[in-house]
């Protein structure tokens, strides 16, 4: 277990990698009482689900979309999720760890690991002011119109310079 906690941030869809290879994918972050990311729910290659506590994470490589753990890292077994009625009758979902460590599956080989990487879910954009789909489409059409009108204007200008009068 690492003595220093690694910041795990938003790692949904990242590969979970040991020194031997990929053993699973991150499904979601778990937050503590102060809304700090403290653990990752992981789906192993064999379909089992586990909890990877932040102190077991060695490195988070956002450019490779990978969470690296040591060979001795523990992923804790998760109980099945439960839903019950909470305050004012609203449904409350809970998912708890049994505390028992899972035996890690055989890591994916080179080809299987590469194929598994093709099925990564996209990470949703955060509220950082990114463009909506409609804004992107509108921007694309405006850019095409500007390029087209610029080309027509350039054609008229070249014809005028070459002949001394407009082409019409």
N, C-alpha and C. Protein backbone atom coordinates (compact mmCIF):
# COMPACT_ATOMS: atom_id res chain seq x y z
N UNK A 1 0.84 -1.18 0.00
CA UNK A 1 0.00 0.00 0.00
C UNK A 1 0.89 1.24 0.00
N UNK A 2 0.51 2.21 -0.81
CA UNK A 2 1.28 3.44 -0.93
C UNK A 2 1.05 4.34 0.28
N UNK A 3 2.09 5.02 0.72
CA UNK A 3 1.97 5.92 1.87
C UNK A 3 1.38 7.26 1.46
N UNK A 4 1.48 7.62 0.19
CA UNK A 4 0.98 8.90 -0.30
C UNK A 4 -0.23 8.62 -1.19
N UNK A 5 -1.31 9.34 -0.96
CA UNK A 5 -2.52 9.17 -1.76
C UNK A 5 -2.37 9.90 -3.08
N UNK A 6 -2.67 9.24 -4.18
CA UNK A 6 -2.61 9.82 -5.51
C UNK A 6 -3.95 10.47 -5.83
N UNK A 7 -3.92 11.66 -6.41
CA UNK A 7 -5.16 12.32 -6.83
C UNK A 7 -5.74 11.53 -7.99
N UNK A 8 -7.00 11.09 -7.85
CA UNK A 8 -7.56 10.23 -8.89
C UNK A 8 -8.51 10.96 -9.82
N UNK A 9 -9.10 12.07 -9.42
CA UNK A 9 -9.93 12.87 -10.32
C UNK A 9 -10.94 12.07 -11.11
N UNK A 10 -11.26 12.52 -12.32
CA UNK A 10 -12.24 11.85 -13.16
C UNK A 10 -11.53 10.81 -14.04
N UNK A 11 -11.67 9.55 -13.67
CA UNK A 11 -11.00 8.47 -14.38
C UNK A 11 -11.99 7.49 -15.00
N UNK A 12 -13.25 7.87 -15.18
CA UNK A 12 -14.25 6.96 -15.74
C UNK A 12 -13.77 6.44 -17.09
N UNK A 13 -13.82 5.12 -17.25
CA UNK A 13 -13.43 4.50 -18.51
C UNK A 13 -11.95 4.21 -18.65
N UNK A 14 -11.13 4.62 -17.70
CA UNK A 14 -9.69 4.39 -17.79
C UNK A 14 -9.38 2.90 -17.59
N UNK A 15 -8.29 2.45 -18.17
CA UNK A 15 -7.80 1.09 -17.95
C UNK A 15 -7.17 1.00 -16.57
N UNK A 16 -7.33 -0.15 -15.91
CA UNK A 16 -6.62 -0.42 -14.67
C UNK A 16 -5.48 -1.36 -15.03
N UNK A 17 -4.25 -0.90 -14.81
CA UNK A 17 -3.06 -1.59 -15.31
C UNK A 17 -2.15 -1.99 -14.16
N UNK A 18 -1.73 -3.25 -14.15
CA UNK A 18 -0.70 -3.74 -13.23
C UNK A 18 0.59 -3.86 -14.02
N UNK A 19 1.70 -4.18 -13.37
CA UNK A 19 2.94 -4.38 -14.14
C UNK A 19 2.81 -5.50 -15.18
N UNK A 20 1.86 -6.43 -14.98
CA UNK A 20 1.68 -7.54 -15.93
C UNK A 20 0.75 -7.18 -17.08
N UNK A 21 -0.06 -6.13 -16.94
CA UNK A 21 -0.97 -5.74 -18.02
C UNK A 21 -2.30 -5.23 -17.50
N UNK A 22 -3.24 -5.02 -18.43
CA UNK A 22 -4.57 -4.49 -18.12
C UNK A 22 -5.39 -5.57 -17.41
N UNK A 23 -6.02 -5.20 -16.26
CA UNK A 23 -6.86 -6.15 -15.52
C UNK A 23 -8.32 -5.71 -15.44
N UNK A 24 -8.63 -4.48 -15.87
CA UNK A 24 -10.00 -4.03 -15.81
C UNK A 24 -10.16 -2.60 -16.26
N UNK A 25 -11.37 -2.04 -16.00
CA UNK A 25 -11.72 -0.67 -16.37
C UNK A 25 -12.37 0.03 -15.18
N UNK A 26 -12.13 1.31 -15.08
CA UNK A 26 -12.78 2.11 -14.05
C UNK A 26 -14.21 2.40 -14.51
N UNK A 27 -15.18 2.14 -13.62
CA UNK A 27 -16.58 2.43 -13.95
C UNK A 27 -17.03 3.78 -13.43
N UNK A 28 -16.60 4.13 -12.22
CA UNK A 28 -17.00 5.41 -11.66
C UNK A 28 -16.15 5.76 -10.47
N UNK A 29 -16.23 7.04 -10.07
CA UNK A 29 -15.54 7.51 -8.87
C UNK A 29 -16.46 7.40 -7.68
N UNK A 30 -15.89 7.16 -6.52
CA UNK A 30 -16.64 7.21 -5.26
C UNK A 30 -16.09 8.38 -4.47
N UNK A 31 -16.99 9.15 -3.88
CA UNK A 31 -16.62 10.36 -3.16
C UNK A 31 -16.77 10.16 -1.66
N UNK A 32 -15.97 10.92 -0.90
CA UNK A 32 -16.12 10.88 0.56
C UNK A 32 -17.15 11.93 0.98
N UNK A 33 -17.28 12.17 2.28
CA UNK A 33 -18.28 13.11 2.80
C UNK A 33 -18.04 14.55 2.36
N UNK A 34 -16.82 14.88 1.94
CA UNK A 34 -16.49 16.24 1.49
C UNK A 34 -16.43 16.32 -0.03
N UNK A 35 -16.99 15.32 -0.72
CA UNK A 35 -17.03 15.25 -2.19
C UNK A 35 -15.65 15.18 -2.84
N UNK A 36 -14.68 14.59 -2.13
CA UNK A 36 -13.37 14.34 -2.71
C UNK A 36 -13.34 12.92 -3.24
N UNK A 37 -12.75 12.72 -4.42
CA UNK A 37 -12.64 11.37 -4.98
C UNK A 37 -11.74 10.54 -4.08
N UNK A 38 -12.28 9.45 -3.56
CA UNK A 38 -11.51 8.65 -2.61
C UNK A 38 -11.33 7.20 -3.05
N UNK A 39 -12.13 6.75 -4.02
CA UNK A 39 -12.01 5.37 -4.50
C UNK A 39 -12.59 5.28 -5.91
N UNK A 40 -12.26 4.18 -6.59
CA UNK A 40 -12.76 3.94 -7.94
C UNK A 40 -13.48 2.60 -7.97
N UNK A 41 -14.69 2.58 -8.53
CA UNK A 41 -15.37 1.31 -8.77
C UNK A 41 -14.80 0.76 -10.07
N UNK A 42 -14.36 -0.50 -10.02
CA UNK A 42 -13.64 -1.12 -11.14
C UNK A 42 -14.39 -2.35 -11.61
N UNK A 43 -14.47 -2.53 -12.92
CA UNK A 43 -14.99 -3.78 -13.49
C UNK A 43 -13.80 -4.54 -14.04
N UNK A 44 -13.54 -5.71 -13.46
CA UNK A 44 -12.40 -6.51 -13.89
C UNK A 44 -12.71 -7.20 -15.21
N UNK A 45 -11.68 -7.69 -15.88
CA UNK A 45 -11.86 -8.33 -17.18
C UNK A 45 -12.78 -9.54 -17.12
N UNK A 46 -12.84 -10.21 -15.97
CA UNK A 46 -13.70 -11.39 -15.84
C UNK A 46 -15.12 -11.02 -15.41
N UNK A 47 -15.47 -9.73 -15.36
CA UNK A 47 -16.82 -9.28 -15.07
C UNK A 47 -17.10 -8.94 -13.62
N UNK A 48 -16.22 -9.32 -12.70
CA UNK A 48 -16.43 -8.98 -11.29
C UNK A 48 -16.21 -7.49 -11.08
N UNK A 49 -16.85 -6.97 -10.04
CA UNK A 49 -16.71 -5.56 -9.71
C UNK A 49 -15.99 -5.42 -8.39
N UNK A 50 -15.14 -4.40 -8.31
CA UNK A 50 -14.39 -4.18 -7.09
C UNK A 50 -14.18 -2.71 -6.81
N UNK A 51 -13.63 -2.43 -5.65
CA UNK A 51 -13.37 -1.07 -5.21
C UNK A 51 -11.87 -0.89 -5.06
N UNK A 52 -11.33 0.10 -5.76
CA UNK A 52 -9.91 0.43 -5.70
C UNK A 52 -9.77 1.73 -4.92
N UNK A 53 -9.24 1.62 -3.70
CA UNK A 53 -9.08 2.78 -2.83
C UNK A 53 -7.91 3.62 -3.34
N UNK A 54 -8.03 4.93 -3.20
CA UNK A 54 -7.04 5.88 -3.73
C UNK A 54 -5.61 5.55 -3.28
N UNK A 55 -5.43 5.06 -2.07
CA UNK A 55 -4.08 4.79 -1.57
C UNK A 55 -3.43 3.60 -2.29
N UNK A 56 -4.22 2.81 -3.01
CA UNK A 56 -3.68 1.67 -3.77
C UNK A 56 -3.25 2.07 -5.17
N UNK A 57 -3.59 3.29 -5.60
CA UNK A 57 -3.28 3.76 -6.95
C UNK A 57 -1.86 4.30 -6.99
N UNK A 58 -1.08 3.81 -7.92
CA UNK A 58 0.30 4.28 -8.07
C UNK A 58 0.40 5.53 -8.91
N UNK A 59 -0.32 5.55 -10.05
CA UNK A 59 -0.23 6.67 -10.98
C UNK A 59 -1.52 6.75 -11.79
N UNK A 60 -1.92 7.97 -12.13
CA UNK A 60 -3.02 8.20 -13.05
C UNK A 60 -2.43 8.91 -14.26
N UNK A 61 -2.46 8.25 -15.42
CA UNK A 61 -1.92 8.83 -16.65
C UNK A 61 -3.09 9.22 -17.54
N UNK A 62 -3.49 10.49 -17.47
CA UNK A 62 -4.66 10.95 -18.22
C UNK A 62 -4.41 10.88 -19.73
N UNK A 63 -3.18 11.12 -20.18
CA UNK A 63 -2.90 11.08 -21.62
C UNK A 63 -3.05 9.66 -22.18
N UNK A 64 -2.84 8.64 -21.36
CA UNK A 64 -3.01 7.24 -21.80
C UNK A 64 -4.33 6.65 -21.32
N UNK A 65 -5.10 7.44 -20.54
CA UNK A 65 -6.35 6.98 -19.95
C UNK A 65 -6.12 5.68 -19.18
N UNK A 66 -5.15 5.72 -18.26
CA UNK A 66 -4.78 4.53 -17.50
C UNK A 66 -4.54 4.86 -16.04
N UNK A 67 -4.97 3.93 -15.18
CA UNK A 67 -4.70 3.99 -13.74
C UNK A 67 -3.77 2.83 -13.46
N UNK A 68 -2.57 3.13 -12.97
CA UNK A 68 -1.57 2.09 -12.71
C UNK A 68 -1.60 1.73 -11.23
N UNK A 69 -1.61 0.42 -10.96
CA UNK A 69 -1.56 -0.08 -9.59
C UNK A 69 -0.39 -1.04 -9.48
N UNK A 70 0.10 -1.22 -8.26
CA UNK A 70 1.21 -2.13 -8.04
C UNK A 70 0.76 -3.58 -8.10
N UNK A 71 1.71 -4.49 -8.20
CA UNK A 71 1.40 -5.93 -8.26
C UNK A 71 0.73 -6.40 -6.98
N UNK A 72 1.00 -5.73 -5.86
CA UNK A 72 0.43 -6.13 -4.56
C UNK A 72 -0.81 -5.32 -4.18
N UNK A 73 -1.29 -4.47 -5.08
CA UNK A 73 -2.46 -3.64 -4.77
C UNK A 73 -3.69 -4.51 -4.54
N UNK A 74 -4.56 -4.03 -3.65
CA UNK A 74 -5.77 -4.78 -3.33
C UNK A 74 -6.98 -4.08 -3.95
N UNK A 75 -7.80 -4.86 -4.62
CA UNK A 75 -9.10 -4.38 -5.09
C UNK A 75 -10.12 -5.14 -4.26
N UNK A 76 -10.99 -4.40 -3.55
CA UNK A 76 -11.93 -5.00 -2.62
C UNK A 76 -13.21 -5.44 -3.32
N UNK A 77 -13.75 -6.57 -2.88
CA UNK A 77 -14.99 -7.10 -3.45
C UNK A 77 -16.15 -6.16 -3.13
N UNK A 78 -17.04 -5.95 -4.10
CA UNK A 78 -18.23 -5.13 -3.89
C UNK A 78 -19.46 -6.03 -3.77
N UNK A 79 -20.33 -5.67 -2.85
CA UNK A 79 -21.62 -6.34 -2.75
C UNK A 79 -22.49 -5.89 -3.92
N UNK A 80 -23.55 -6.62 -4.22
CA UNK A 80 -24.47 -6.14 -5.26
C UNK A 80 -25.09 -4.80 -4.83
N UNK A 81 -25.38 -3.92 -5.78
CA UNK A 81 -25.99 -2.63 -5.44
C UNK A 81 -27.41 -2.84 -4.89
N UNK A 82 -27.81 -1.97 -3.96
CA UNK A 82 -29.13 -2.03 -3.34
C UNK A 82 -29.83 -0.69 -3.51
N UNK A 83 -31.16 -0.74 -3.69
CA UNK A 83 -31.98 0.46 -3.77
C UNK A 83 -33.06 0.35 -2.71
N UNK A 84 -33.24 1.44 -1.94
CA UNK A 84 -34.29 1.48 -0.92
C UNK A 84 -34.85 2.90 -0.87
N UNK A 85 -35.95 3.07 -0.18
CA UNK A 85 -36.58 4.38 -0.06
C UNK A 85 -35.87 5.19 1.00
N UNK A 86 -35.54 6.42 0.65
CA UNK A 86 -34.87 7.32 1.58
C UNK A 86 -35.83 8.37 2.08
N UNK A 87 -35.30 9.52 2.40
CA UNK A 87 -36.10 10.64 2.90
C UNK A 87 -37.13 11.05 1.86
N UNK A 88 -38.34 11.29 2.31
CA UNK A 88 -39.44 11.73 1.45
C UNK A 88 -39.76 10.72 0.35
N UNK A 89 -39.41 9.47 0.54
CA UNK A 89 -39.76 8.42 -0.41
C UNK A 89 -38.89 8.36 -1.65
N UNK A 90 -37.86 9.21 -1.73
CA UNK A 90 -36.98 9.21 -2.89
C UNK A 90 -36.10 7.96 -2.86
N UNK A 91 -35.90 7.31 -4.01
CA UNK A 91 -35.05 6.12 -4.02
C UNK A 91 -33.59 6.47 -3.74
N UNK A 92 -32.95 5.64 -2.93
CA UNK A 92 -31.54 5.82 -2.59
C UNK A 92 -30.81 4.55 -3.00
N UNK A 93 -29.75 4.70 -3.75
CA UNK A 93 -28.95 3.56 -4.17
C UNK A 93 -27.69 3.50 -3.33
N UNK A 94 -27.29 2.29 -2.95
CA UNK A 94 -26.05 2.15 -2.19
C UNK A 94 -25.30 0.92 -2.69
N UNK A 95 -23.99 1.05 -2.62
CA UNK A 95 -23.11 0.00 -3.10
C UNK A 95 -21.99 -0.07 -2.08
N UNK A 96 -21.79 -1.18 -1.43
CA UNK A 96 -20.82 -1.28 -0.35
C UNK A 96 -19.77 -2.35 -0.65
N UNK A 97 -18.61 -2.16 -0.07
CA UNK A 97 -17.52 -3.13 -0.18
C UNK A 97 -17.64 -4.14 0.95
N UNK A 98 -17.30 -5.39 0.66
CA UNK A 98 -17.28 -6.41 1.71
C UNK A 98 -16.01 -6.31 2.53
N UNK A 99 -14.99 -5.65 2.01
CA UNK A 99 -13.70 -5.54 2.67
C UNK A 99 -12.76 -6.67 2.29
N UNK A 100 -13.28 -7.71 1.63
CA UNK A 100 -12.45 -8.84 1.21
C UNK A 100 -11.77 -8.52 -0.12
N UNK A 101 -10.48 -8.79 -0.24
CA UNK A 101 -9.80 -8.51 -1.50
C UNK A 101 -10.18 -9.52 -2.58
N UNK A 102 -10.20 -9.06 -3.82
CA UNK A 102 -10.44 -9.91 -4.98
C UNK A 102 -9.11 -10.40 -5.52
N UNK A 103 -9.10 -11.60 -6.01
CA UNK A 103 -7.93 -12.09 -6.74
C UNK A 103 -8.02 -11.51 -8.15
N UNK A 104 -6.97 -10.85 -8.58
CA UNK A 104 -7.00 -10.20 -9.88
C UNK A 104 -7.02 -11.23 -11.00
N UNK A 105 -7.76 -10.95 -12.09
CA UNK A 105 -7.80 -11.88 -13.21
C UNK A 105 -6.48 -11.87 -13.96
N UNK A 106 -6.31 -12.84 -14.82
CA UNK A 106 -5.13 -12.89 -15.70
C UNK A 106 -5.15 -11.64 -16.57
N UNK A 107 -4.06 -10.87 -16.59
CA UNK A 107 -4.04 -9.64 -17.40
C UNK A 107 -4.26 -9.94 -18.87
N UNK A 108 -4.82 -8.95 -19.55
CA UNK A 108 -5.03 -9.06 -20.99
C UNK A 108 -3.68 -9.08 -21.68
N UNK A 109 -3.55 -9.92 -22.69
CA UNK A 109 -2.32 -9.95 -23.48
C UNK A 109 -2.23 -8.72 -24.36
N UNK A 110 -1.23 -8.68 -25.20
CA UNK A 110 -0.99 -7.52 -26.06
C UNK A 110 -2.18 -7.25 -26.98
N UNK A 111 -2.64 -8.27 -27.69
CA UNK A 111 -3.74 -8.09 -28.64
C UNK A 111 -5.05 -7.86 -27.90
N UNK A 112 -5.35 -8.69 -26.91
CA UNK A 112 -6.59 -8.54 -26.14
C UNK A 112 -6.64 -7.19 -25.42
N UNK A 113 -5.51 -6.74 -24.90
CA UNK A 113 -5.44 -5.45 -24.24
C UNK A 113 -5.70 -4.30 -25.21
N UNK A 114 -5.16 -4.42 -26.43
CA UNK A 114 -5.38 -3.39 -27.44
C UNK A 114 -6.84 -3.38 -27.88
N UNK A 115 -7.44 -4.55 -28.05
CA UNK A 115 -8.85 -4.63 -28.44
C UNK A 115 -9.75 -4.10 -27.34
N UNK A 116 -9.41 -4.39 -26.09
CA UNK A 116 -10.20 -3.90 -24.96
C UNK A 116 -10.15 -2.38 -24.92
N UNK A 117 -9.05 -1.80 -25.33
CA UNK A 117 -8.91 -0.35 -25.34
C UNK A 117 -9.79 0.34 -26.35
N UNK A 118 -10.26 -0.40 -27.37
CA UNK A 118 -11.13 0.19 -28.38
C UNK A 118 -12.53 0.45 -27.86
N UNK A 119 -12.90 -0.21 -26.78
CA UNK A 119 -14.27 -0.12 -26.28
C UNK A 119 -14.38 0.78 -25.06
N UNK A 120 -13.49 1.71 -24.92
CA UNK A 120 -13.55 2.64 -23.79
C UNK A 120 -14.71 3.59 -23.98
N UNK A 121 -15.49 3.80 -22.94
CA UNK A 121 -16.56 4.80 -23.06
C UNK A 121 -15.95 6.20 -23.10
N UNK A 122 -16.66 7.10 -23.74
CA UNK A 122 -16.18 8.47 -23.79
C UNK A 122 -16.40 9.11 -22.43
N UNK A 123 -15.51 9.98 -22.08
CA UNK A 123 -15.63 10.69 -20.81
C UNK A 123 -16.46 11.94 -21.07
N UNK A 124 -17.56 12.13 -20.31
CA UNK A 124 -18.39 13.31 -20.56
C UNK A 124 -17.63 14.59 -20.26
N UNK A 125 -17.93 15.63 -21.02
CA UNK A 125 -17.30 16.92 -20.81
C UNK A 125 -17.81 17.53 -19.51
N UNK A 126 -16.94 18.21 -18.83
CA UNK A 126 -17.35 18.91 -17.62
C UNK A 126 -17.89 20.27 -18.01
N UNK A 127 -18.46 20.98 -17.08
CA UNK A 127 -19.04 22.29 -17.35
C UNK A 127 -17.98 23.36 -17.49
N UNK A 128 -17.06 23.19 -18.43
CA UNK A 128 -15.95 24.13 -18.58
C UNK A 128 -16.18 25.10 -19.74
N UNK A 129 -17.43 25.22 -20.18
CA UNK A 129 -17.72 26.18 -21.24
C UNK A 129 -17.47 25.65 -22.63
N UNK A 130 -17.46 24.35 -22.85
CA UNK A 130 -17.29 23.78 -24.18
C UNK A 130 -18.49 24.10 -25.06
N UNK A 131 -18.32 23.98 -26.37
CA UNK A 131 -19.39 24.29 -27.31
C UNK A 131 -20.41 23.16 -27.36
N UNK A 132 -21.68 23.52 -27.50
CA UNK A 132 -22.72 22.52 -27.67
C UNK A 132 -22.68 22.00 -29.10
N UNK A 133 -23.43 20.96 -29.38
CA UNK A 133 -23.46 20.38 -30.73
C UNK A 133 -24.01 21.39 -31.73
N UNK A 134 -25.08 22.09 -31.37
CA UNK A 134 -25.67 23.06 -32.29
C UNK A 134 -24.72 24.23 -32.56
N UNK A 135 -23.99 24.67 -31.55
CA UNK A 135 -23.02 25.74 -31.76
C UNK A 135 -21.90 25.27 -32.69
N UNK A 136 -21.49 24.04 -32.54
CA UNK A 136 -20.44 23.48 -33.40
C UNK A 136 -20.91 23.40 -34.84
N UNK A 137 -22.14 22.93 -35.07
CA UNK A 137 -22.69 22.83 -36.42
C UNK A 137 -22.83 24.23 -37.03
N UNK A 138 -23.35 25.18 -36.26
CA UNK A 138 -23.50 26.55 -36.78
C UNK A 138 -22.14 27.15 -37.13
N UNK A 139 -21.16 26.94 -36.29
CA UNK A 139 -19.81 27.44 -36.55
C UNK A 139 -19.24 26.82 -37.83
N UNK A 140 -19.50 25.53 -38.04
CA UNK A 140 -19.01 24.85 -39.23
C UNK A 140 -19.63 25.47 -40.49
N UNK A 141 -20.95 25.70 -40.47
CA UNK A 141 -21.61 26.27 -41.65
C UNK A 141 -21.13 27.70 -41.92
N UNK A 142 -20.92 28.49 -40.89
CA UNK A 142 -20.41 29.85 -41.07
C UNK A 142 -19.01 29.79 -41.69
N UNK A 143 -18.18 28.88 -41.21
CA UNK A 143 -16.82 28.75 -41.76
C UNK A 143 -16.86 28.34 -43.23
N UNK A 144 -17.74 27.41 -43.59
CA UNK A 144 -17.86 26.99 -45.00
C UNK A 144 -18.32 28.17 -45.86
N UNK A 145 -19.29 28.97 -45.36
CA UNK A 145 -19.77 30.13 -46.12
C UNK A 145 -18.66 31.15 -46.31
N UNK A 146 -17.89 31.42 -45.27
CA UNK A 146 -16.79 32.39 -45.38
C UNK A 146 -15.74 31.91 -46.38
N UNK A 147 -15.42 30.63 -46.34
CA UNK A 147 -14.43 30.09 -47.28
C UNK A 147 -14.96 30.20 -48.71
N UNK A 148 -16.23 29.81 -48.92
CA UNK A 148 -16.82 29.86 -50.27
C UNK A 148 -16.88 31.28 -50.81
N UNK A 149 -17.35 32.23 -50.01
CA UNK A 149 -17.44 33.62 -50.46
C UNK A 149 -16.05 34.22 -50.70
N UNK A 150 -15.08 33.82 -49.90
CA UNK A 150 -13.70 34.30 -50.11
C UNK A 150 -13.16 33.80 -51.45
N UNK A 151 -13.44 32.56 -51.79
CA UNK A 151 -12.96 32.00 -53.07
C UNK A 151 -13.63 32.71 -54.25
N UNK A 152 -14.94 32.98 -54.15
CA UNK A 152 -15.64 33.69 -55.23
C UNK A 152 -15.08 35.10 -55.38
N UNK A 153 -14.88 35.77 -54.25
CA UNK A 153 -14.32 37.12 -54.30
C UNK A 153 -12.92 37.13 -54.90
N UNK A 154 -12.12 36.14 -54.56
CA UNK A 154 -10.77 36.05 -55.10
C UNK A 154 -10.81 35.79 -56.60
N UNK A 155 -11.74 34.95 -57.08
CA UNK A 155 -11.88 34.71 -58.52
C UNK A 155 -12.23 36.00 -59.27
N UNK A 156 -13.16 36.78 -58.72
CA UNK A 156 -13.56 38.04 -59.36
C UNK A 156 -12.39 39.01 -59.37
N UNK A 157 -11.64 39.08 -58.27
CA UNK A 157 -10.50 39.99 -58.19
C UNK A 157 -9.43 39.61 -59.21
N UNK A 158 -9.12 38.33 -59.33
CA UNK A 158 -8.09 37.89 -60.29
C UNK A 158 -8.53 38.19 -61.72
N UNK A 159 -9.81 37.94 -62.03
CA UNK A 159 -10.32 38.24 -63.38
C UNK A 159 -10.25 39.73 -63.66
N UNK A 160 -10.58 40.56 -62.69
CA UNK A 160 -10.53 42.01 -62.87
C UNK A 160 -9.09 42.48 -63.08
N UNK A 161 -8.15 41.93 -62.30
CA UNK A 161 -6.75 42.35 -62.45
C UNK A 161 -6.17 41.88 -63.79
N UNK A 162 -6.62 40.72 -64.26
CA UNK A 162 -6.06 40.17 -65.49
C UNK A 162 -6.64 40.87 -66.72
N UNK A 163 -7.90 41.22 -66.72
CA UNK A 163 -8.54 41.78 -67.91
C UNK A 163 -8.82 43.26 -67.81
N UNK A 164 -8.83 43.81 -66.60
CA UNK A 164 -9.11 45.23 -66.44
C UNK A 164 -10.59 45.54 -66.28
N UNK A 165 -11.43 44.52 -66.37
CA UNK A 165 -12.87 44.74 -66.13
C UNK A 165 -13.44 43.50 -65.42
N UNK A 166 -14.60 43.66 -64.78
CA UNK A 166 -15.20 42.52 -64.07
C UNK A 166 -15.55 41.39 -65.05
N UNK A 167 -15.63 40.16 -64.56
CA UNK A 167 -15.86 39.02 -65.46
C UNK A 167 -17.30 38.87 -65.91
N UNK A 168 -18.18 39.73 -65.58
CA UNK A 168 -19.60 39.58 -65.97
C UNK A 168 -20.03 40.56 -67.00
